[in-house]
Amino acid sequence: MTSEAMGGLLVLGAALLDQLIGDPRRMLHPVVVMGWLIRQLRCGIERWAGDHPMQLRIGGGLITLIVVIGSALTGWCLERLLWLPSPWGWLSIPVLSLSLASALAARSLRDSVLAVLDALPSSADGDLKPSRQKLSWIVGRDVQSLDRAGLLRAAAETASENAVDGVFAPLFWMGIGALLWMVVPSGPGPLALAWGFKASSTLDSMLGYRSGRLRWLGTAGARLDDLLTWLPCRLVMLTLPLVCPPWTLWGQRVQAAEQDGAADPSPNAGRSEAIYAHCIGIQLGGENRYGERVVQKPVLGAGQPTANVSLVRAVLSASSRLELFWLSALVIIQLAIIT
């Protein structure tokens, strides 16, 4: 089968594999390789730049170019290699699907959030340490002082924010790559674009902090990640209400999410949390602690119920429905182009 027709099927296969197996611990994950490369480049740049802001900014730009372009080119080369006539051509579909699945985090995000919920004690005075420990693996905030309500709010917020970063943004770029294959069969496809995005996301998670040298070193990676996530985030805002009835509230929910989310310093994080808050009916935001630093996040969905176990599960369920909606839309678009 030609690559023009296979792009959408590969994306579907990747989403299915992600749901079935998540991130197998015994396999070398592309993000681990990206992280290793970022650390090596950071050490070299910091030795050269020292504490000079301009040199750190230039170095951060070089790291971003090397990691993002290198990741995209690696994906592109793998695509071309596996589609060329070869004795191992029959491996192309499973290998490419598995490689694409490495850019998705729907299963791992769901399992991680559910692990926090499952670790919560049944009684109000039970031990919160197991739940705090599991939450600390997936959030950057200080969890040691969080009570039960704080743990539930943090779980809901990470489920809604990371749904865009870990599922819908890479899925968007996979879809763009699949559609590009239909126009330029030899060009970059879903894997090239997905790994390029994943590289920018990894750069942001490792270097995108406003402290110390990272205030300058991580600027390029953070801004690129914001740029590549901008459109997928807005598409989530527009489509999530379609899988959370009643649909008659679509305009009201989108408008309210834009109003609430615009108050967040991040161009994407606040909006992604806000649309979930208004679609699910849950209040998010408030005070977060990051070590000694206290950050007052804007309140999203003010006046709605605070987070509880059923509402956090509803956030995860909405993400699953939306992922199916996006995959169906990709197939319909491809079929419309082919016919």
C-alpha atoms as a PDB file:
ATOM      1  CA  MET A   1       0.000   0.000   0.000  1.00  0.00           C
ATOM      2  CA  THR A   2       1.280   3.507  -0.836  1.00  0.00           C
ATOM      3  CA  SER A   3       2.352   5.982   1.802  1.00  0.00           C
ATOM      4  CA  GLU A   4      -0.344   8.408   0.602  1.00  0.00           C
ATOM      5  CA  ALA A   5      -3.049   6.009   1.767  1.00  0.00           C
ATOM      6  CA  MET A   6      -1.173   4.624   4.777  1.00  0.00           C
ATOM      7  CA  GLY A   7      -0.643   7.784   6.813  1.00  0.00           C
ATOM      8  CA  GLY A   8      -4.032   7.768   8.504  1.00  0.00           C
ATOM      9  CA  LEU A   9      -3.911   4.020   9.150  1.00  0.00           C
ATOM     10  CA  LEU A  10      -0.496   4.356  10.776  1.00  0.00           C
ATOM     11  CA  VAL A  11      -1.835   7.079  13.080  1.00  0.00           C
ATOM     12  CA  LEU A  12      -4.805   4.874  13.986  1.00  0.00           C
ATOM     13  CA  GLY A  13      -2.450   1.973  14.682  1.00  0.00           C
ATOM     14  CA  ALA A  14      -0.258   4.184  16.852  1.00  0.00           C
ATOM     15  CA  ALA A  15      -3.223   5.380  18.918  1.00  0.00           C
ATOM     16  CA  LEU A  16      -4.379   1.775  19.381  1.00  0.00           C
ATOM     17  CA  LEU A  17      -0.903   0.623  20.434  1.00  0.00           C
ATOM     18  CA  ASP A  18      -0.630   3.523  22.874  1.00  0.00           C
ATOM     19  CA  GLN A  19      -3.928   2.537  24.466  1.00  0.00           C
ATOM     20  CA  LEU A  20      -2.929  -1.140  24.640  1.00  0.00           C
ATOM     21  CA  ILE A  21       0.669  -0.992  25.850  1.00  0.00           C
ATOM     22  CA  GLY A  22       1.434   2.614  26.802  1.00  0.00           C
ATOM     23  CA  ASP A  23       5.173   3.128  27.268  1.00  0.00           C
ATOM     24  CA  PRO A  24       6.861  -0.282  27.735  1.00  0.00           C
ATOM     25  CA  ARG A  25       9.610   0.124  30.338  1.00  0.00           C
ATOM     26  CA  ARG A  26      11.946  -2.416  28.757  1.00  0.00           C
ATOM     27  CA  MET A  27      12.090  -0.624  25.408  1.00  0.00           C
ATOM     28  CA  LEU A  28      14.395   2.293  24.637  1.00  0.00           C
ATOM     29  CA  HIS A  29      12.070   5.275  24.351  1.00  0.00           C
ATOM     30  CA  PRO A  30      12.849   8.073  21.852  1.00  0.00           C
ATOM     31  CA  VAL A  31      12.251  10.676  24.577  1.00  0.00           C
ATOM     32  CA  VAL A  32      15.029   9.069  26.645  1.00  0.00           C
ATOM     33  CA  VAL A  33      17.408   9.533  23.711  1.00  0.00           C
ATOM     34  CA  MET A  34      16.239  13.128  23.263  1.00  0.00           C
ATOM     35  CA  GLY A  35      16.751  13.785  26.961  1.00  0.00           C
ATOM     36  CA  TRP A  36      20.265  12.325  26.875  1.00  0.00           C
ATOM     37  CA  LEU A  37      21.168  14.533  23.900  1.00  0.00           C
ATOM     38  CA  ILE A  38      19.749  17.646  25.583  1.00  0.00           C
ATOM     39  CA  ARG A  39      21.812  16.987  28.729  1.00  0.00           C
ATOM     40  CA  GLN A  40      25.025  16.501  26.735  1.00  0.00           C
ATOM     41  CA  LEU A  41      24.465  19.665  24.717  1.00  0.00           C
ATOM     42  CA  ARG A  42      23.537  21.632  27.823  1.00  0.00           C
ATOM     43  CA  CYS A  43      26.787  20.698  29.561  1.00  0.00           C
ATOM     44  CA  GLY A  44      28.821  21.822  26.553  1.00  0.00           C
ATOM     45  CA  ILE A  45      26.895  25.086  26.119  1.00  0.00           C
ATOM     46  CA  GLU A  46      27.124  26.004  29.805  1.00  0.00           C
ATOM     47  CA  ARG A  47      30.894  25.439  29.802  1.00  0.00           C
ATOM     48  CA  TRP A  48      31.162  27.824  26.844  1.00  0.00           C
ATOM     49  CA  ALA A  49      28.578  30.431  27.887  1.00  0.00           C
ATOM     50  CA  GLY A  50      29.101  30.570  31.629  1.00  0.00           C
ATOM     51  CA  ASP A  51      26.641  33.049  33.134  1.00  0.00           C
ATOM     52  CA  HIS A  52      26.417  35.370  30.123  1.00  0.00           C
ATOM     53  CA  PRO A  53      22.730  35.788  29.174  1.00  0.00           C
ATOM     54  CA  MET A  54      23.295  36.464  25.459  1.00  0.00           C
ATOM     55  CA  GLN A  55      25.573  33.465  24.991  1.00  0.00           C
ATOM     56  CA  LEU A  56      23.138  31.281  26.926  1.00  0.00           C
ATOM     57  CA  ARG A  57      20.292  32.412  24.641  1.00  0.00           C
ATOM     58  CA  ILE A  58      22.375  31.640  21.553  1.00  0.00           C
ATOM     59  CA  GLY A  59      23.345  28.277  23.029  1.00  0.00           C
ATOM     60  CA  GLY A  60      19.729  27.482  23.842  1.00  0.00           C
ATOM     61  CA  GLY A  61      18.788  28.268  20.264  1.00  0.00           C
ATOM     62  CA  LEU A  62      21.481  25.908  18.993  1.00  0.00           C
ATOM     63  CA  ILE A  63      20.324  23.124  21.304  1.00  0.00           C
ATOM     64  CA  THR A  64      16.756  23.625  20.069  1.00  0.00           C
ATOM     65  CA  LEU A  65      17.786  23.513  16.401  1.00  0.00           C
ATOM     66  CA  ILE A  66      19.946  20.422  16.835  1.00  0.00           C
ATOM     67  CA  VAL A  67      17.459  18.418  18.893  1.00  0.00           C
ATOM     68  CA  VAL A  68      14.263  19.337  17.034  1.00  0.00           C
ATOM     69  CA  ILE A  69      15.662  19.159  13.501  1.00  0.00           C
ATOM     70  CA  GLY A  70      17.667  16.042  14.377  1.00  0.00           C
ATOM     71  CA  SER A  71      14.583  14.292  15.780  1.00  0.00           C
ATOM     72  CA  ALA A  72      12.448  15.233  12.774  1.00  0.00           C
ATOM     73  CA  LEU A  73      15.145  14.109  10.335  1.00  0.00           C
ATOM     74  CA  THR A  74      15.544  10.804  12.176  1.00  0.00           C
ATOM     75  CA  GLY A  75      11.821  10.180  11.861  1.00  0.00           C
ATOM     76  CA  TRP A  76      11.876  11.144   8.194  1.00  0.00           C
ATOM     77  CA  CYS A  77      14.810   8.835   7.462  1.00  0.00           C
ATOM     78  CA  LEU A  78      13.052   5.971   9.224  1.00  0.00           C
ATOM     79  CA  GLU A  79       9.920   6.613   7.170  1.00  0.00           C
ATOM     80  CA  ARG A  80      11.832   6.595   3.887  1.00  0.00           C
ATOM     81  CA  LEU A  81      13.951   3.578   4.833  1.00  0.00           C
ATOM     82  CA  LEU A  82      10.959   1.443   5.736  1.00  0.00           C
ATOM     83  CA  TRP A  83       8.955   2.399   2.647  1.00  0.00           C
ATOM     84  CA  LEU A  84      11.767   1.564   0.217  1.00  0.00           C
ATOM     85  CA  PRO A  85      11.622  -1.912  -1.395  1.00  0.00           C
ATOM     86  CA  SER A  86      13.588  -4.127   0.963  1.00  0.00           C
ATOM     87  CA  PRO A  87      13.631  -7.665   2.422  1.00  0.00           C
ATOM     88  CA  TRP A  88      12.208  -6.307   5.679  1.00  0.00           C
ATOM     89  CA  GLY A  89       9.477  -4.231   4.051  1.00  0.00           C
ATOM     90  CA  TRP A  90       6.797  -6.269   5.842  1.00  0.00           C
ATOM     91  CA  LEU A  91       8.063  -4.746   9.093  1.00  0.00           C
ATOM     92  CA  SER A  92       7.278  -1.198   7.979  1.00  0.00           C
ATOM     93  CA  ILE A  93       3.743  -0.968   9.350  1.00  0.00           C
ATOM     94  CA  PRO A  94       4.348  -2.363  12.880  1.00  0.00           C
ATOM     95  CA  VAL A  95       7.683  -0.518  13.284  1.00  0.00           C
ATOM     96  CA  LEU A  96       6.286   2.825  12.139  1.00  0.00           C
ATOM     97  CA  SER A  97       3.136   2.393  14.233  1.00  0.00           C
ATOM     98  CA  LEU A  98       5.184   1.565  17.328  1.00  0.00           C
ATOM     99  CA  SER A  99       7.497   4.516  16.657  1.00  0.00           C
ATOM    100  CA  LEU A 100       4.498   6.822  16.304  1.00  0.00           C
ATOM    101  CA  ALA A 101       2.952   5.430  19.483  1.00  0.00           C
ATOM    102  CA  SER A 102       6.057   6.562  21.387  1.00  0.00           C
ATOM    103  CA  ALA A 103       4.954  10.173  20.800  1.00  0.00           C
ATOM    104  CA  LEU A 104       1.549   9.603  22.437  1.00  0.00           C
ATOM    105  CA  ALA A 105       0.930   9.459  26.177  1.00  0.00           C
ATOM    106  CA  ALA A 106      -2.804   8.790  26.542  1.00  0.00           C
ATOM    107  CA  ARG A 107      -2.373   5.441  28.315  1.00  0.00           C
ATOM    108  CA  SER A 108       0.500   6.546  30.556  1.00  0.00           C
ATOM    109  CA  LEU A 109      -1.302   9.776  31.534  1.00  0.00           C
ATOM    110  CA  ARG A 110      -4.506   7.929  32.366  1.00  0.00           C
ATOM    111  CA  ASP A 111      -2.687   5.237  34.354  1.00  0.00           C
ATOM    112  CA  SER A 112      -0.641   7.814  36.268  1.00  0.00           C
ATOM    113  CA  VAL A 113      -3.686   9.881  37.254  1.00  0.00           C
ATOM    114  CA  LEU A 114      -5.692   6.780  38.197  1.00  0.00           C
ATOM    115  CA  ALA A 115      -2.783   5.610  40.348  1.00  0.00           C
ATOM    116  CA  VAL A 116      -3.077   8.847  42.355  1.00  0.00           C
ATOM    117  CA  LEU A 117      -6.814   8.277  42.804  1.00  0.00           C
ATOM    118  CA  ASP A 118      -6.408   4.617  43.722  1.00  0.00           C
ATOM    119  CA  ALA A 119      -3.826   5.506  46.374  1.00  0.00           C
ATOM    120  CA  LEU A 120      -6.182   7.896  48.161  1.00  0.00           C
ATOM    121  CA  PRO A 121      -7.353   6.503  51.517  1.00  0.00           C
ATOM    122  CA  SER A 122     -11.009   5.638  51.898  1.00  0.00           C
ATOM    123  CA  SER A 123     -11.284   7.531  55.182  1.00  0.00           C
ATOM    124  CA  ALA A 124     -10.851  11.275  55.634  1.00  0.00           C
ATOM    125  CA  ASP A 125      -8.060  10.798  58.194  1.00  0.00           C
ATOM    126  CA  GLY A 126      -6.155   8.158  56.192  1.00  0.00           C
ATOM    127  CA  ASP A 127      -2.516   8.288  55.082  1.00  0.00           C
ATOM    128  CA  LEU A 128      -2.022  10.569  52.064  1.00  0.00           C
ATOM    129  CA  LYS A 129       1.674   9.761  51.561  1.00  0.00           C
ATOM    130  CA  PRO A 130       1.169   7.067  48.861  1.00  0.00           C
ATOM    131  CA  SER A 131      -1.050   9.384  46.831  1.00  0.00           C
ATOM    132  CA  ARG A 132       1.375  12.291  47.240  1.00  0.00           C
ATOM    133  CA  GLN A 133       4.263  10.131  46.084  1.00  0.00           C
ATOM    134  CA  LYS A 134       2.448   9.008  42.947  1.00  0.00           C
ATOM    135  CA  LEU A 135       1.383  12.578  42.180  1.00  0.00           C
ATOM    136  CA  SER A 136       4.972  13.811  42.544  1.00  0.00           C
ATOM    137  CA  TRP A 137       5.938  11.615  39.586  1.00  0.00           C
ATOM    138  CA  ILE A 138       3.717  13.568  37.181  1.00  0.00           C
ATOM    139  CA  VAL A 139       3.635  17.180  38.460  1.00  0.00           C
ATOM    140  CA  GLY A 140       6.266  19.806  39.150  1.00  0.00           C
ATOM    141  CA  ARG A 141       4.565  21.428  42.145  1.00  0.00           C
ATOM    142  CA  ASP A 142       5.325  20.695  45.795  1.00  0.00           C
ATOM    143  CA  VAL A 143       2.957  17.919  46.866  1.00  0.00           C
ATOM    144  CA  GLN A 144       4.047  17.338  50.460  1.00  0.00           C
ATOM    145  CA  SER A 145       1.654  19.907  51.942  1.00  0.00           C
ATOM    146  CA  LEU A 146      -1.349  18.966  49.791  1.00  0.00           C
ATOM    147  CA  ASP A 147      -4.459  17.694  51.530  1.00  0.00           C
ATOM    148  CA  ARG A 148      -7.012  15.410  49.879  1.00  0.00           C
ATOM    149  CA  ALA A 149      -8.714  18.300  48.055  1.00  0.00           C
ATOM    150  CA  GLY A 150      -5.357  19.603  46.843  1.00  0.00           C
ATOM    151  CA  LEU A 151      -4.346  16.184  45.536  1.00  0.00           C
ATOM    152  CA  LEU A 152      -7.592  15.825  43.623  1.00  0.00           C
ATOM    153  CA  ARG A 153      -7.293  19.313  42.125  1.00  0.00           C
ATOM    154  CA  ALA A 154      -3.707  18.640  41.061  1.00  0.00           C
ATOM    155  CA  ALA A 155      -4.740  15.339  39.477  1.00  0.00           C
ATOM    156  CA  ALA A 156      -7.523  17.038  37.520  1.00  0.00           C
ATOM    157  CA  GLU A 157      -5.232  19.849  36.395  1.00  0.00           C
ATOM    158  CA  THR A 158      -2.460  17.566  35.180  1.00  0.00           C
ATOM    159  CA  ALA A 159      -5.011  15.340  33.414  1.00  0.00           C
ATOM    160  CA  SER A 160      -6.412  18.338  31.526  1.00  0.00           C
ATOM    161  CA  GLU A 161      -3.184  20.220  30.795  1.00  0.00           C
ATOM    162  CA  ASN A 162      -1.127  17.175  29.798  1.00  0.00           C
ATOM    163  CA  ALA A 163      -3.918  15.886  27.567  1.00  0.00           C
ATOM    164  CA  VAL A 164      -2.966  18.653  25.126  1.00  0.00           C
ATOM    165  CA  ASP A 165       0.812  18.270  25.506  1.00  0.00           C
ATOM    166  CA  GLY A 166       0.884  14.483  25.587  1.00  0.00           C
ATOM    167  CA  VAL A 167      -2.009  13.436  23.356  1.00  0.00           C
ATOM    168  CA  PHE A 168      -3.664  16.031  21.169  1.00  0.00           C
ATOM    169  CA  ALA A 169      -0.675  18.120  20.093  1.00  0.00           C
ATOM    170  CA  PRO A 170       1.357  15.092  18.898  1.00  0.00           C
ATOM    171  CA  LEU A 171      -1.819  13.627  17.378  1.00  0.00           C
ATOM    172  CA  PHE A 172      -2.370  16.893  15.502  1.00  0.00           C
ATOM    173  CA  TRP A 173       1.138  16.868  14.036  1.00  0.00           C
ATOM    174  CA  MET A 174       0.807  13.191  13.100  1.00  0.00           C
ATOM    175  CA  GLY A 175      -2.378  14.072  11.250  1.00  0.00           C
ATOM    176  CA  ILE A 176      -0.672  16.947   9.442  1.00  0.00           C
ATOM    177  CA  GLY A 177       2.140  14.566   8.443  1.00  0.00           C
ATOM    178  CA  ALA A 178      -0.367  11.990   7.167  1.00  0.00           C
ATOM    179  CA  LEU A 179      -2.061  14.657   5.041  1.00  0.00           C
ATOM    180  CA  LEU A 180       1.296  15.959   3.766  1.00  0.00           C
ATOM    181  CA  TRP A 181       2.122  12.441   2.542  1.00  0.00           C
ATOM    182  CA  MET A 182      -0.921  12.652   0.304  1.00  0.00           C
ATOM    183  CA  VAL A 183       0.525  15.753  -1.376  1.00  0.00           C
ATOM    184  CA  VAL A 184       4.264  14.995  -1.233  1.00  0.00           C
ATOM    185  CA  PRO A 185       4.712  11.206  -0.753  1.00  0.00           C
ATOM    186  CA  SER A 186       8.482  11.510  -0.335  1.00  0.00           C
ATOM    187  CA  GLY A 187       8.268  14.386   2.134  1.00  0.00           C
ATOM    188  CA  PRO A 188       8.216  14.364   5.933  1.00  0.00           C
ATOM    189  CA  GLY A 189       5.309  12.301   7.240  1.00  0.00           C
ATOM    190  CA  PRO A 190       3.596  11.650  10.559  1.00  0.00           C
ATOM    191  CA  LEU A 191       6.659  10.251  12.334  1.00  0.00           C
ATOM    192  CA  ALA A 192       8.938  13.126  11.314  1.00  0.00           C
ATOM    193  CA  LEU A 193       6.483  15.755  12.530  1.00  0.00           C
ATOM    194  CA  ALA A 194       5.524  13.833  15.685  1.00  0.00           C
ATOM    195  CA  TRP A 195       9.142  13.364  16.767  1.00  0.00           C
ATOM    196  CA  GLY A 196       9.931  16.992  15.932  1.00  0.00           C
ATOM    197  CA  PHE A 197       7.098  18.100  18.206  1.00  0.00           C
ATOM    198  CA  LYS A 198       8.089  15.629  20.912  1.00  0.00           C
ATOM    199  CA  ALA A 199      11.618  17.043  20.862  1.00  0.00           C
ATOM    200  CA  SER A 200      10.320  20.579  21.454  1.00  0.00           C
ATOM    201  CA  SER A 201       8.095  19.331  24.274  1.00  0.00           C
ATOM    202  CA  THR A 202      11.035  17.515  25.887  1.00  0.00           C
ATOM    203  CA  LEU A 203      13.170  20.655  25.608  1.00  0.00           C
ATOM    204  CA  ASP A 204      10.465  22.669  27.359  1.00  0.00           C
ATOM    205  CA  SER A 205      10.086  20.120  30.166  1.00  0.00           C
ATOM    206  CA  MET A 206      13.854  19.942  30.763  1.00  0.00           C
ATOM    207  CA  LEU A 207      14.999  23.529  30.135  1.00  0.00           C
ATOM    208  CA  GLY A 208      11.844  25.651  30.238  1.00  0.00           C
ATOM    209  CA  TYR A 209      12.261  27.035  33.757  1.00  0.00           C
ATOM    210  CA  ARG A 210      12.606  30.687  34.729  1.00  0.00           C
ATOM    211  CA  SER A 211      15.423  30.196  37.201  1.00  0.00           C
ATOM    212  CA  GLY A 212      19.210  30.338  37.077  1.00  0.00           C
ATOM    213  CA  ARG A 213      20.809  29.879  33.678  1.00  0.00           C
ATOM    214  CA  LEU A 214      17.677  28.215  32.327  1.00  0.00           C
ATOM    215  CA  ARG A 215      16.019  31.646  32.317  1.00  0.00           C
ATOM    216  CA  TRP A 216      17.988  32.256  29.111  1.00  0.00           C
ATOM    217  CA  LEU A 217      19.088  28.783  28.031  1.00  0.00           C
ATOM    218  CA  GLY A 218      15.538  27.419  27.865  1.00  0.00           C
ATOM    219  CA  THR A 219      13.893  30.391  26.133  1.00  0.00           C
ATOM    220  CA  ALA A 220      14.066  29.067  22.561  1.00  0.00           C
ATOM    221  CA  GLY A 221      12.769  25.608  23.402  1.00  0.00           C
ATOM    222  CA  ALA A 222       9.912  26.961  25.541  1.00  0.00           C
ATOM    223  CA  ARG A 223       8.784  29.421  22.878  1.00  0.00           C
ATOM    224  CA  LEU A 224       8.929  26.797  20.141  1.00  0.00           C
ATOM    225  CA  ASP A 225       6.849  24.418  22.267  1.00  0.00           C
ATOM    226  CA  ASP A 226       4.293  27.191  22.876  1.00  0.00           C
ATOM    227  CA  LEU A 227       4.151  27.851  19.131  1.00  0.00           C
ATOM    228  CA  LEU A 228       3.737  24.187  18.134  1.00  0.00           C
ATOM    229  CA  THR A 229       1.064  23.654  20.805  1.00  0.00           C
ATOM    230  CA  TRP A 230      -0.883  26.855  20.054  1.00  0.00           C
ATOM    231  CA  LEU A 231      -3.143  25.518  17.294  1.00  0.00           C
ATOM    232  CA  PRO A 232      -3.760  22.032  18.792  1.00  0.00           C
ATOM    233  CA  CYS A 233      -4.759  23.703  22.065  1.00  0.00           C
ATOM    234  CA  ARG A 234      -7.316  25.918  20.292  1.00  0.00           C
ATOM    235  CA  LEU A 235      -8.661  22.907  18.415  1.00  0.00           C
ATOM    236  CA  VAL A 236      -9.153  21.109  21.735  1.00  0.00           C
ATOM    237  CA  MET A 237     -11.046  24.157  22.977  1.00  0.00           C
ATOM    238  CA  LEU A 238     -13.323  24.021  19.934  1.00  0.00           C
ATOM    239  CA  THR A 239     -13.897  20.263  19.855  1.00  0.00           C
ATOM    240  CA  LEU A 240     -14.029  19.141  23.503  1.00  0.00           C
ATOM    241  CA  PRO A 241     -17.557  20.587  23.969  1.00  0.00           C
ATOM    242  CA  LEU A 242     -18.667  18.396  21.042  1.00  0.00           C
ATOM    243  CA  VAL A 243     -18.023  15.239  23.088  1.00  0.00           C
ATOM    244  CA  CYS A 244     -19.411  16.697  26.333  1.00  0.00           C
ATOM    245  CA  PRO A 245     -23.154  17.262  25.901  1.00  0.00           C
ATOM    246  CA  PRO A 246     -25.288  19.297  25.928  1.00  0.00           C
ATOM    247  CA  TRP A 247     -23.908  20.624  22.628  1.00  0.00           C
ATOM    248  CA  THR A 248     -26.100  23.710  22.869  1.00  0.00           C
ATOM    249  CA  LEU A 249     -23.567  25.078  25.396  1.00  0.00           C
ATOM    250  CA  TRP A 250     -20.704  24.926  22.852  1.00  0.00           C
ATOM    251  CA  GLY A 251     -20.380  28.687  22.332  1.00  0.00           C
ATOM    252  CA  GLN A 252     -20.813  29.520  26.016  1.00  0.00           C
ATOM    253  CA  ARG A 253     -18.167  27.007  27.097  1.00  0.00           C
ATOM    254  CA  VAL A 254     -15.605  28.079  24.511  1.00  0.00           C
ATOM    255  CA  GLN A 255     -16.088  31.754  25.363  1.00  0.00           C
ATOM    256  CA  ALA A 256     -15.840  31.120  29.103  1.00  0.00           C
ATOM    257  CA  ALA A 257     -12.699  28.976  28.662  1.00  0.00           C
ATOM    258  CA  GLU A 258     -11.027  31.665  26.560  1.00  0.00           C
ATOM    259  CA  GLN A 259     -11.863  34.318  29.134  1.00  0.00           C
ATOM    260  CA  ASP A 260     -10.594  32.233  32.071  1.00  0.00           C
ATOM    261  CA  GLY A 261      -7.561  30.796  30.288  1.00  0.00           C
ATOM    262  CA  ALA A 262      -6.330  34.141  28.964  1.00  0.00           C
ATOM    263  CA  ALA A 263      -5.453  35.152  32.524  1.00  0.00           C
ATOM    264  CA  ASP A 264      -2.789  32.431  32.695  1.00  0.00           C
ATOM    265  CA  PRO A 265       0.767  33.504  31.723  1.00  0.00           C
ATOM    266  CA  SER A 266       1.047  30.441  29.481  1.00  0.00           C
ATOM    267  CA  PRO A 267      -0.649  30.842  26.086  1.00  0.00           C
ATOM    268  CA  ASN A 268      -1.815  27.213  26.198  1.00  0.00           C
ATOM    269  CA  ALA A 269      -1.849  25.661  29.692  1.00  0.00           C
ATOM    270  CA  GLY A 270      -4.558  27.874  31.159  1.00  0.00           C
ATOM    271  CA  ARG A 271      -6.821  27.469  28.146  1.00  0.00           C
ATOM    272  CA  SER A 272      -6.477  23.683  28.058  1.00  0.00           C
ATOM    273  CA  GLU A 273      -7.396  23.433  31.742  1.00  0.00           C
ATOM    274  CA  ALA A 274     -10.181  25.985  31.359  1.00  0.00           C
ATOM    275  CA  ILE A 275     -12.050  24.155  28.594  1.00  0.00           C
ATOM    276  CA  TYR A 276     -12.010  20.968  30.666  1.00  0.00           C
ATOM    277  CA  ALA A 277     -13.193  22.913  33.707  1.00  0.00           C
ATOM    278  CA  HIS A 278     -16.210  24.286  31.846  1.00  0.00           C
ATOM    279  CA  CYS A 279     -17.054  21.093  29.946  1.00  0.00           C
ATOM    280  CA  ILE A 280     -16.795  18.784  32.965  1.00  0.00           C
ATOM    281  CA  GLY A 281     -18.135  21.265  35.510  1.00  0.00           C
ATOM    282  CA  ILE A 282     -15.177  21.481  37.881  1.00  0.00           C
ATOM    283  CA  GLN A 283     -13.332  24.382  39.495  1.00  0.00           C
ATOM    284  CA  LEU A 284      -9.576  24.406  38.906  1.00  0.00           C
ATOM    285  CA  GLY A 285      -6.732  26.818  39.629  1.00  0.00           C
ATOM    286  CA  GLY A 286      -5.638  28.537  42.813  1.00  0.00           C
ATOM    287  CA  GLU A 287      -2.437  28.502  44.846  1.00  0.00           C
ATOM    288  CA  ASN A 288       0.419  26.209  43.836  1.00  0.00           C
ATOM    289  CA  ARG A 289       3.774  25.804  45.567  1.00  0.00           C
ATOM    290  CA  TYR A 290       7.037  25.136  43.709  1.00  0.00           C
ATOM    291  CA  GLY A 291       9.650  24.746  46.437  1.00  0.00           C
ATOM    292  CA  GLU A 292       9.857  28.106  48.198  1.00  0.00           C
ATOM    293  CA  ARG A 293       7.928  29.860  45.409  1.00  0.00           C
ATOM    294  CA  VAL A 294       4.161  30.347  45.664  1.00  0.00           C
ATOM    295  CA  VAL A 295       2.259  30.879  42.420  1.00  0.00           C
ATOM    296  CA  GLN A 296      -1.328  32.091  42.377  1.00  0.00           C
ATOM    297  CA  LYS A 297      -2.938  30.534  39.300  1.00  0.00           C
ATOM    298  CA  PRO A 298      -6.166  32.024  37.903  1.00  0.00           C
ATOM    299  CA  VAL A 299      -9.359  30.318  39.048  1.00  0.00           C
ATOM    300  CA  LEU A 300     -10.997  28.400  36.192  1.00  0.00           C
ATOM    301  CA  GLY A 301     -14.696  27.590  36.239  1.00  0.00           C
ATOM    302  CA  ALA A 302     -15.338  29.634  39.367  1.00  0.00           C
ATOM    303  CA  GLY A 303     -18.366  28.550  41.356  1.00  0.00           C
ATOM    304  CA  GLN A 304     -18.424  24.986  40.036  1.00  0.00           C
ATOM    305  CA  PRO A 305     -17.800  21.960  42.298  1.00  0.00           C
ATOM    306  CA  THR A 306     -14.240  21.388  43.438  1.00  0.00           C
ATOM    307  CA  ALA A 307     -12.401  18.266  42.294  1.00  0.00           C
ATOM    308  CA  ASN A 308     -13.527  14.862  43.486  1.00  0.00           C
ATOM    309  CA  VAL A 309     -12.750  11.336  42.301  1.00  0.00           C
ATOM    310  CA  SER A 310     -15.690  11.108  39.903  1.00  0.00           C
ATOM    311  CA  LEU A 311     -14.909  14.475  38.313  1.00  0.00           C
ATOM    312  CA  VAL A 312     -11.249  13.556  37.781  1.00  0.00           C
ATOM    313  CA  ARG A 313     -12.378  10.335  36.121  1.00  0.00           C
ATOM    314  CA  ALA A 314     -14.748  12.414  33.986  1.00  0.00           C
ATOM    315  CA  VAL A 315     -11.789  14.474  32.746  1.00  0.00           C
ATOM    316  CA  LEU A 316     -10.000  11.281  31.661  1.00  0.00           C
ATOM    317  CA  SER A 317     -13.139   9.929  30.026  1.00  0.00           C
ATOM    318  CA  ALA A 318     -13.638  13.156  28.064  1.00  0.00           C
ATOM    319  CA  SER A 319     -10.074  12.937  26.754  1.00  0.00           C
ATOM    320  CA  SER A 320     -10.676   9.377  25.552  1.00  0.00           C
ATOM    321  CA  ARG A 321     -13.840  10.433  23.704  1.00  0.00           C
ATOM    322  CA  LEU A 322     -12.080  13.410  22.160  1.00  0.00           C
ATOM    323  CA  GLU A 323      -9.178  11.280  20.959  1.00  0.00           C
ATOM    324  CA  LEU A 324     -11.651   8.972  19.197  1.00  0.00           C
ATOM    325  CA  PHE A 325     -13.359  12.038  17.702  1.00  0.00           C
ATOM    326  CA  TRP A 326     -10.059  13.378  16.322  1.00  0.00           C
ATOM    327  CA  LEU A 327      -9.070  10.006  14.865  1.00  0.00           C
ATOM    328  CA  SER A 328     -12.463   9.693  13.189  1.00  0.00           C
ATOM    329  CA  ALA A 329     -12.100  13.213  11.771  1.00  0.00           C
ATOM    330  CA  LEU A 330      -8.673  12.344  10.322  1.00  0.00           C
ATOM    331  CA  VAL A 331     -10.065   9.261   8.580  1.00  0.00           C
ATOM    332  CA  ILE A 332     -13.011  11.234   7.169  1.00  0.00           C
ATOM    333  CA  ILE A 333     -10.710  13.990   5.876  1.00  0.00           C
ATOM    334  CA  GLN A 334      -8.425  11.463   4.204  1.00  0.00           C
ATOM    335  CA  LEU A 335     -11.331   9.613   2.610  1.00  0.00           C
ATOM    336  CA  ALA A 336     -12.748  12.906   1.338  1.00  0.00           C
ATOM    337  CA  ILE A 337      -9.412  13.807  -0.271  1.00  0.00           C
ATOM    338  CA  ILE A 338      -8.940  10.369  -1.847  1.00  0.00           C
ATOM    339  CA  THR A 339     -12.431  10.264  -3.332  1.00  0.00           C
END
